[in-house]
């Protein structure tokens, strides 16, 4: 594994993303009702000015509260999302435009403790 360097990483999401939430079922004697609420996700920066160096062979863990951007940062490093701004280096290679397979890195995403 090579050194990974994050330089001035920014990630924002547009307000044009439609979000569907609060899906639940109400059951009564004669019928079943499904309720959903839809809306637009507000725009804003999720990650701002992230600078980080992970040295070759180093083991690193990201820990933080729900919604703080941990998974977003990992997805950016892995190439699963596109950067809004900044640079990601793996070794001597700038990987901003490389697809995930070409980055030759492995990560573990844990959804629960």
N, C-alpha and C. Protein backbone atom coordinates (compact mmCIF):
# COMPACT_ATOMS: atom_id res chain seq x y z
N UNK A 1 0.86 -1.18 0.00
CA UNK A 1 0.00 0.00 0.00
C UNK A 1 0.89 1.22 0.00
N UNK A 2 0.55 2.17 -0.79
CA UNK A 2 1.30 3.42 -0.89
C UNK A 2 0.72 4.47 0.06
N UNK A 3 1.45 5.53 0.22
CA UNK A 3 0.97 6.66 1.02
C UNK A 3 -0.27 7.27 0.35
N UNK A 4 -1.26 7.65 1.16
CA UNK A 4 -2.46 8.32 0.66
C UNK A 4 -2.47 9.73 1.23
N UNK A 5 -2.60 10.72 0.35
CA UNK A 5 -2.59 12.12 0.78
C UNK A 5 -3.87 12.79 0.28
N UNK A 6 -4.59 13.42 1.20
CA UNK A 6 -5.78 14.20 0.87
C UNK A 6 -5.41 15.67 1.02
N UNK A 7 -5.61 16.44 -0.03
CA UNK A 7 -5.27 17.86 -0.02
C UNK A 7 -6.52 18.70 -0.21
N UNK A 8 -6.89 19.45 0.81
CA UNK A 8 -7.95 20.45 0.72
C UNK A 8 -9.24 19.88 0.10
N UNK A 9 -9.70 18.75 0.63
CA UNK A 9 -10.87 18.06 0.09
C UNK A 9 -12.16 18.80 0.44
N UNK A 10 -12.98 19.01 -0.57
CA UNK A 10 -14.32 19.59 -0.41
C UNK A 10 -15.32 18.65 -1.05
N UNK A 11 -16.48 18.52 -0.42
CA UNK A 11 -17.57 17.76 -1.02
C UNK A 11 -18.88 18.48 -0.69
N UNK A 12 -19.61 18.85 -1.71
CA UNK A 12 -20.92 19.46 -1.52
C UNK A 12 -21.95 18.65 -2.29
N UNK A 13 -23.19 18.77 -1.86
CA UNK A 13 -24.29 18.11 -2.56
C UNK A 13 -25.26 19.17 -3.02
N UNK A 14 -25.77 19.01 -4.22
CA UNK A 14 -26.69 19.96 -4.83
C UNK A 14 -28.08 19.83 -4.24
N UNK A 15 -28.82 20.92 -4.28
CA UNK A 15 -30.19 20.90 -3.78
C UNK A 15 -31.14 20.21 -4.75
N UNK A 16 -30.62 19.77 -5.90
CA UNK A 16 -31.48 19.11 -6.88
C UNK A 16 -31.66 17.62 -6.59
N UNK A 17 -31.06 17.13 -5.51
CA UNK A 17 -31.20 15.72 -5.17
C UNK A 17 -32.52 15.51 -4.44
N UNK A 18 -33.36 14.64 -4.97
CA UNK A 18 -34.65 14.37 -4.35
C UNK A 18 -34.47 13.27 -3.30
N UNK A 19 -35.01 13.51 -2.12
CA UNK A 19 -34.88 12.58 -1.01
C UNK A 19 -36.25 12.04 -0.63
N UNK A 20 -36.33 10.74 -0.43
CA UNK A 20 -37.57 10.13 0.05
C UNK A 20 -37.27 9.54 1.42
N UNK A 21 -38.06 9.89 2.42
CA UNK A 21 -37.79 9.45 3.78
C UNK A 21 -39.09 9.12 4.50
N UNK A 22 -38.92 8.65 5.71
CA UNK A 22 -40.05 8.35 6.61
C UNK A 22 -41.06 7.40 5.98
N UNK A 23 -40.59 6.32 5.44
CA UNK A 23 -41.48 5.32 4.85
C UNK A 23 -41.91 4.37 5.96
N UNK A 24 -43.19 4.25 6.14
CA UNK A 24 -43.71 3.34 7.16
C UNK A 24 -45.07 2.81 6.75
N UNK A 25 -45.49 1.72 7.36
CA UNK A 25 -46.76 1.08 7.05
C UNK A 25 -47.71 1.24 8.22
N UNK A 26 -48.93 1.55 7.88
CA UNK A 26 -50.00 1.60 8.87
C UNK A 26 -50.97 0.47 8.54
N UNK A 27 -51.18 -0.40 9.46
CA UNK A 27 -52.08 -1.52 9.22
C UNK A 27 -53.34 -1.35 10.06
N UNK A 28 -54.47 -1.55 9.42
CA UNK A 28 -55.75 -1.52 10.14
C UNK A 28 -56.50 -2.80 9.81
N UNK A 29 -57.72 -2.89 10.26
CA UNK A 29 -58.49 -4.11 10.06
C UNK A 29 -58.74 -4.43 8.58
N UNK A 30 -59.06 -3.42 7.78
CA UNK A 30 -59.49 -3.67 6.41
C UNK A 30 -58.47 -3.28 5.34
N UNK A 31 -57.51 -2.44 5.65
CA UNK A 31 -56.61 -1.98 4.59
C UNK A 31 -55.22 -1.69 5.14
N UNK A 32 -54.31 -1.53 4.20
CA UNK A 32 -52.93 -1.22 4.53
C UNK A 32 -52.59 0.09 3.85
N UNK A 33 -51.95 0.98 4.55
CA UNK A 33 -51.62 2.30 4.00
C UNK A 33 -50.11 2.51 4.12
N UNK A 34 -49.50 3.01 3.06
CA UNK A 34 -48.07 3.31 3.07
C UNK A 34 -47.91 4.82 2.98
N UNK A 35 -47.13 5.36 3.89
CA UNK A 35 -46.93 6.81 3.92
C UNK A 35 -45.47 7.14 3.62
N UNK A 36 -45.26 8.11 2.74
CA UNK A 36 -43.90 8.57 2.46
C UNK A 36 -43.89 10.08 2.45
N UNK A 37 -42.75 10.63 2.72
CA UNK A 37 -42.60 12.07 2.57
C UNK A 37 -41.41 12.32 1.66
N UNK A 38 -41.55 13.24 0.75
CA UNK A 38 -40.49 13.56 -0.19
C UNK A 38 -40.11 15.01 -0.05
N UNK A 39 -38.89 15.31 -0.42
CA UNK A 39 -38.44 16.69 -0.39
C UNK A 39 -37.10 16.81 -1.09
N UNK A 40 -36.56 17.98 -1.10
CA UNK A 40 -35.26 18.21 -1.70
C UNK A 40 -34.23 18.35 -0.60
N UNK A 41 -33.09 17.67 -0.79
CA UNK A 41 -32.01 17.79 0.17
C UNK A 41 -31.38 19.17 0.00
N UNK A 42 -31.19 19.89 1.07
CA UNK A 42 -30.62 21.22 0.96
C UNK A 42 -29.15 21.14 0.57
N UNK A 43 -28.69 22.12 -0.19
CA UNK A 43 -27.30 22.11 -0.62
C UNK A 43 -26.42 22.58 0.51
N UNK A 44 -25.18 22.19 0.44
CA UNK A 44 -24.23 22.62 1.44
C UNK A 44 -23.00 21.74 1.43
N UNK A 45 -21.96 22.22 2.08
CA UNK A 45 -20.71 21.47 2.15
C UNK A 45 -20.82 20.38 3.20
N UNK A 46 -20.49 19.17 2.80
CA UNK A 46 -20.45 18.04 3.72
C UNK A 46 -19.05 17.92 4.29
N UNK A 47 -18.05 18.10 3.44
CA UNK A 47 -16.65 18.09 3.86
C UNK A 47 -16.01 19.41 3.44
N UNK A 48 -15.23 19.99 4.33
CA UNK A 48 -14.58 21.27 4.05
C UNK A 48 -13.12 21.23 4.50
N UNK A 49 -12.21 21.56 3.62
CA UNK A 49 -10.79 21.71 3.94
C UNK A 49 -10.22 20.49 4.69
N UNK A 50 -10.45 19.31 4.16
CA UNK A 50 -9.91 18.09 4.78
C UNK A 50 -8.50 17.87 4.23
N UNK A 51 -7.53 17.83 5.13
CA UNK A 51 -6.14 17.55 4.80
C UNK A 51 -5.68 16.39 5.68
N UNK A 52 -5.18 15.32 5.05
CA UNK A 52 -4.83 14.12 5.80
C UNK A 52 -3.76 13.36 5.04
N UNK A 53 -2.78 12.83 5.78
CA UNK A 53 -1.76 11.96 5.19
C UNK A 53 -1.79 10.63 5.92
N UNK A 54 -1.94 9.55 5.17
CA UNK A 54 -1.91 8.20 5.71
C UNK A 54 -0.66 7.55 5.13
N UNK A 55 0.32 7.28 5.98
CA UNK A 55 1.59 6.75 5.51
C UNK A 55 1.48 5.29 5.10
N UNK A 56 2.42 4.87 4.26
CA UNK A 56 2.49 3.50 3.78
C UNK A 56 2.53 2.54 4.96
N UNK A 57 1.64 1.55 4.99
CA UNK A 57 1.61 0.55 6.06
C UNK A 57 0.88 0.98 7.31
N UNK A 58 0.40 2.19 7.35
CA UNK A 58 -0.30 2.70 8.54
C UNK A 58 -1.74 2.21 8.55
N UNK A 59 -2.25 1.89 9.73
CA UNK A 59 -3.64 1.47 9.92
C UNK A 59 -4.40 2.68 10.45
N UNK A 60 -5.51 3.02 9.80
CA UNK A 60 -6.25 4.21 10.19
C UNK A 60 -7.73 3.89 10.32
N UNK A 61 -8.38 4.51 11.31
CA UNK A 61 -9.81 4.34 11.54
C UNK A 61 -10.44 5.72 11.61
N UNK A 62 -11.57 5.92 10.93
CA UNK A 62 -12.34 7.16 11.04
C UNK A 62 -13.49 6.92 12.00
N UNK A 63 -13.59 7.76 13.02
CA UNK A 63 -14.64 7.63 14.02
C UNK A 63 -15.29 8.99 14.20
N UNK A 64 -16.60 9.02 14.28
CA UNK A 64 -17.31 10.27 14.50
C UNK A 64 -18.80 10.02 14.57
N UNK A 65 -19.55 11.06 14.91
CA UNK A 65 -21.00 10.91 15.02
C UNK A 65 -21.66 10.68 13.66
N UNK A 66 -22.85 10.17 13.68
CA UNK A 66 -23.63 9.94 12.47
C UNK A 66 -23.79 11.24 11.69
N UNK A 67 -23.54 11.16 10.39
CA UNK A 67 -23.75 12.32 9.53
C UNK A 67 -22.59 13.28 9.45
N UNK A 68 -21.43 12.92 10.01
CA UNK A 68 -20.30 13.87 10.02
C UNK A 68 -19.45 13.79 8.75
N UNK A 69 -19.67 12.79 7.88
CA UNK A 69 -18.94 12.71 6.62
C UNK A 69 -17.92 11.59 6.54
N UNK A 70 -17.90 10.68 7.50
CA UNK A 70 -16.93 9.58 7.48
C UNK A 70 -17.06 8.73 6.21
N UNK A 71 -18.25 8.25 5.95
CA UNK A 71 -18.46 7.39 4.78
C UNK A 71 -18.26 8.16 3.49
N UNK A 72 -18.64 9.42 3.46
CA UNK A 72 -18.43 10.24 2.27
C UNK A 72 -16.94 10.35 1.97
N UNK A 73 -16.12 10.58 2.99
CA UNK A 73 -14.68 10.69 2.79
C UNK A 73 -14.10 9.38 2.27
N UNK A 74 -14.51 8.25 2.85
CA UNK A 74 -14.03 6.95 2.37
C UNK A 74 -14.46 6.68 0.94
N UNK A 75 -15.69 7.04 0.60
CA UNK A 75 -16.19 6.85 -0.76
C UNK A 75 -15.41 7.71 -1.76
N UNK A 76 -14.98 8.90 -1.35
CA UNK A 76 -14.17 9.75 -2.22
C UNK A 76 -12.80 9.13 -2.46
N UNK A 77 -12.17 8.63 -1.40
CA UNK A 77 -10.85 7.99 -1.54
C UNK A 77 -10.96 6.76 -2.43
N UNK A 78 -12.01 5.97 -2.25
CA UNK A 78 -12.19 4.75 -3.04
C UNK A 78 -12.58 5.03 -4.49
N UNK A 79 -13.05 6.25 -4.78
CA UNK A 79 -13.46 6.59 -6.14
C UNK A 79 -14.92 6.31 -6.41
N UNK A 80 -15.70 6.06 -5.38
CA UNK A 80 -17.12 5.77 -5.55
C UNK A 80 -17.96 7.04 -5.71
N UNK A 81 -17.38 8.19 -5.36
CA UNK A 81 -18.02 9.50 -5.55
C UNK A 81 -16.99 10.44 -6.14
N UNK A 82 -17.47 11.48 -6.84
CA UNK A 82 -16.58 12.48 -7.43
C UNK A 82 -16.36 13.63 -6.46
N UNK A 83 -15.14 14.14 -6.45
CA UNK A 83 -14.79 15.28 -5.60
C UNK A 83 -15.43 16.56 -6.09
N UNK A 84 -15.77 17.44 -5.17
CA UNK A 84 -16.16 18.80 -5.53
C UNK A 84 -14.90 19.65 -5.68
N UNK A 85 -13.91 19.42 -4.83
CA UNK A 85 -12.66 20.16 -4.89
C UNK A 85 -11.57 19.44 -4.12
N UNK A 86 -10.32 19.75 -4.45
CA UNK A 86 -9.18 19.16 -3.77
C UNK A 86 -8.53 18.07 -4.59
N UNK A 87 -7.53 17.42 -3.98
CA UNK A 87 -6.77 16.37 -4.66
C UNK A 87 -6.61 15.17 -3.75
N UNK A 88 -6.63 13.99 -4.37
CA UNK A 88 -6.33 12.74 -3.66
C UNK A 88 -5.16 12.09 -4.38
N UNK A 89 -4.10 11.84 -3.62
CA UNK A 89 -2.90 11.20 -4.15
C UNK A 89 -2.76 9.82 -3.53
N UNK A 90 -2.49 8.82 -4.34
CA UNK A 90 -2.12 7.50 -3.85
C UNK A 90 -0.73 7.24 -4.41
N UNK A 91 0.25 7.22 -3.52
CA UNK A 91 1.64 7.18 -3.94
C UNK A 91 1.96 8.48 -4.66
N UNK A 92 2.52 8.38 -5.83
CA UNK A 92 2.86 9.56 -6.64
C UNK A 92 1.79 9.88 -7.67
N UNK A 93 0.66 9.17 -7.62
CA UNK A 93 -0.38 9.31 -8.64
C UNK A 93 -1.56 10.12 -8.14
N UNK A 94 -1.93 11.15 -8.89
CA UNK A 94 -3.15 11.90 -8.61
C UNK A 94 -4.31 11.06 -9.13
N UNK A 95 -5.25 10.67 -8.24
CA UNK A 95 -6.29 9.72 -8.62
C UNK A 95 -7.67 10.35 -8.75
N UNK A 96 -7.77 11.67 -8.77
CA UNK A 96 -9.08 12.34 -8.82
C UNK A 96 -9.98 11.79 -9.92
N UNK A 97 -9.45 11.51 -11.09
CA UNK A 97 -10.27 11.06 -12.20
C UNK A 97 -10.23 9.57 -12.45
N UNK A 98 -9.50 8.82 -11.63
CA UNK A 98 -9.39 7.38 -11.86
C UNK A 98 -10.60 6.63 -11.31
N UNK A 99 -11.05 5.59 -12.03
CA UNK A 99 -12.16 4.77 -11.51
C UNK A 99 -11.67 3.94 -10.31
N UNK A 100 -12.58 3.43 -9.50
CA UNK A 100 -12.20 2.67 -8.30
C UNK A 100 -11.22 1.53 -8.57
N UNK A 101 -11.45 0.76 -9.62
CA UNK A 101 -10.59 -0.39 -9.91
C UNK A 101 -9.15 0.02 -10.17
N UNK A 102 -8.93 1.15 -10.80
CA UNK A 102 -7.59 1.61 -11.14
C UNK A 102 -6.83 2.16 -9.94
N UNK A 103 -7.49 2.39 -8.82
CA UNK A 103 -6.84 2.96 -7.63
C UNK A 103 -6.08 1.91 -6.83
N UNK A 104 -6.40 0.64 -7.00
CA UNK A 104 -5.68 -0.47 -6.37
C UNK A 104 -5.57 -0.31 -4.85
N UNK A 105 -6.70 -0.02 -4.21
CA UNK A 105 -6.73 0.07 -2.75
C UNK A 105 -7.91 -0.74 -2.23
N UNK A 106 -7.87 -1.08 -0.96
CA UNK A 106 -8.96 -1.83 -0.34
C UNK A 106 -9.42 -1.10 0.91
N UNK A 107 -10.73 -1.12 1.15
CA UNK A 107 -11.30 -0.49 2.34
C UNK A 107 -12.39 -1.38 2.89
N UNK A 108 -12.66 -1.21 4.18
CA UNK A 108 -13.76 -1.90 4.83
C UNK A 108 -14.76 -0.86 5.29
N UNK A 109 -16.00 -1.01 4.86
CA UNK A 109 -17.09 -0.13 5.30
C UNK A 109 -17.93 -0.92 6.29
N UNK A 110 -18.04 -0.44 7.52
CA UNK A 110 -18.83 -1.12 8.54
C UNK A 110 -20.10 -0.33 8.79
N UNK A 111 -21.24 -0.97 8.64
CA UNK A 111 -22.52 -0.29 8.79
C UNK A 111 -23.07 -0.32 10.20
N UNK A 112 -22.54 -1.15 11.06
CA UNK A 112 -23.05 -1.24 12.42
C UNK A 112 -21.92 -1.66 13.36
N UNK A 113 -22.08 -1.37 14.63
CA UNK A 113 -21.05 -1.72 15.61
C UNK A 113 -21.37 -3.05 16.26
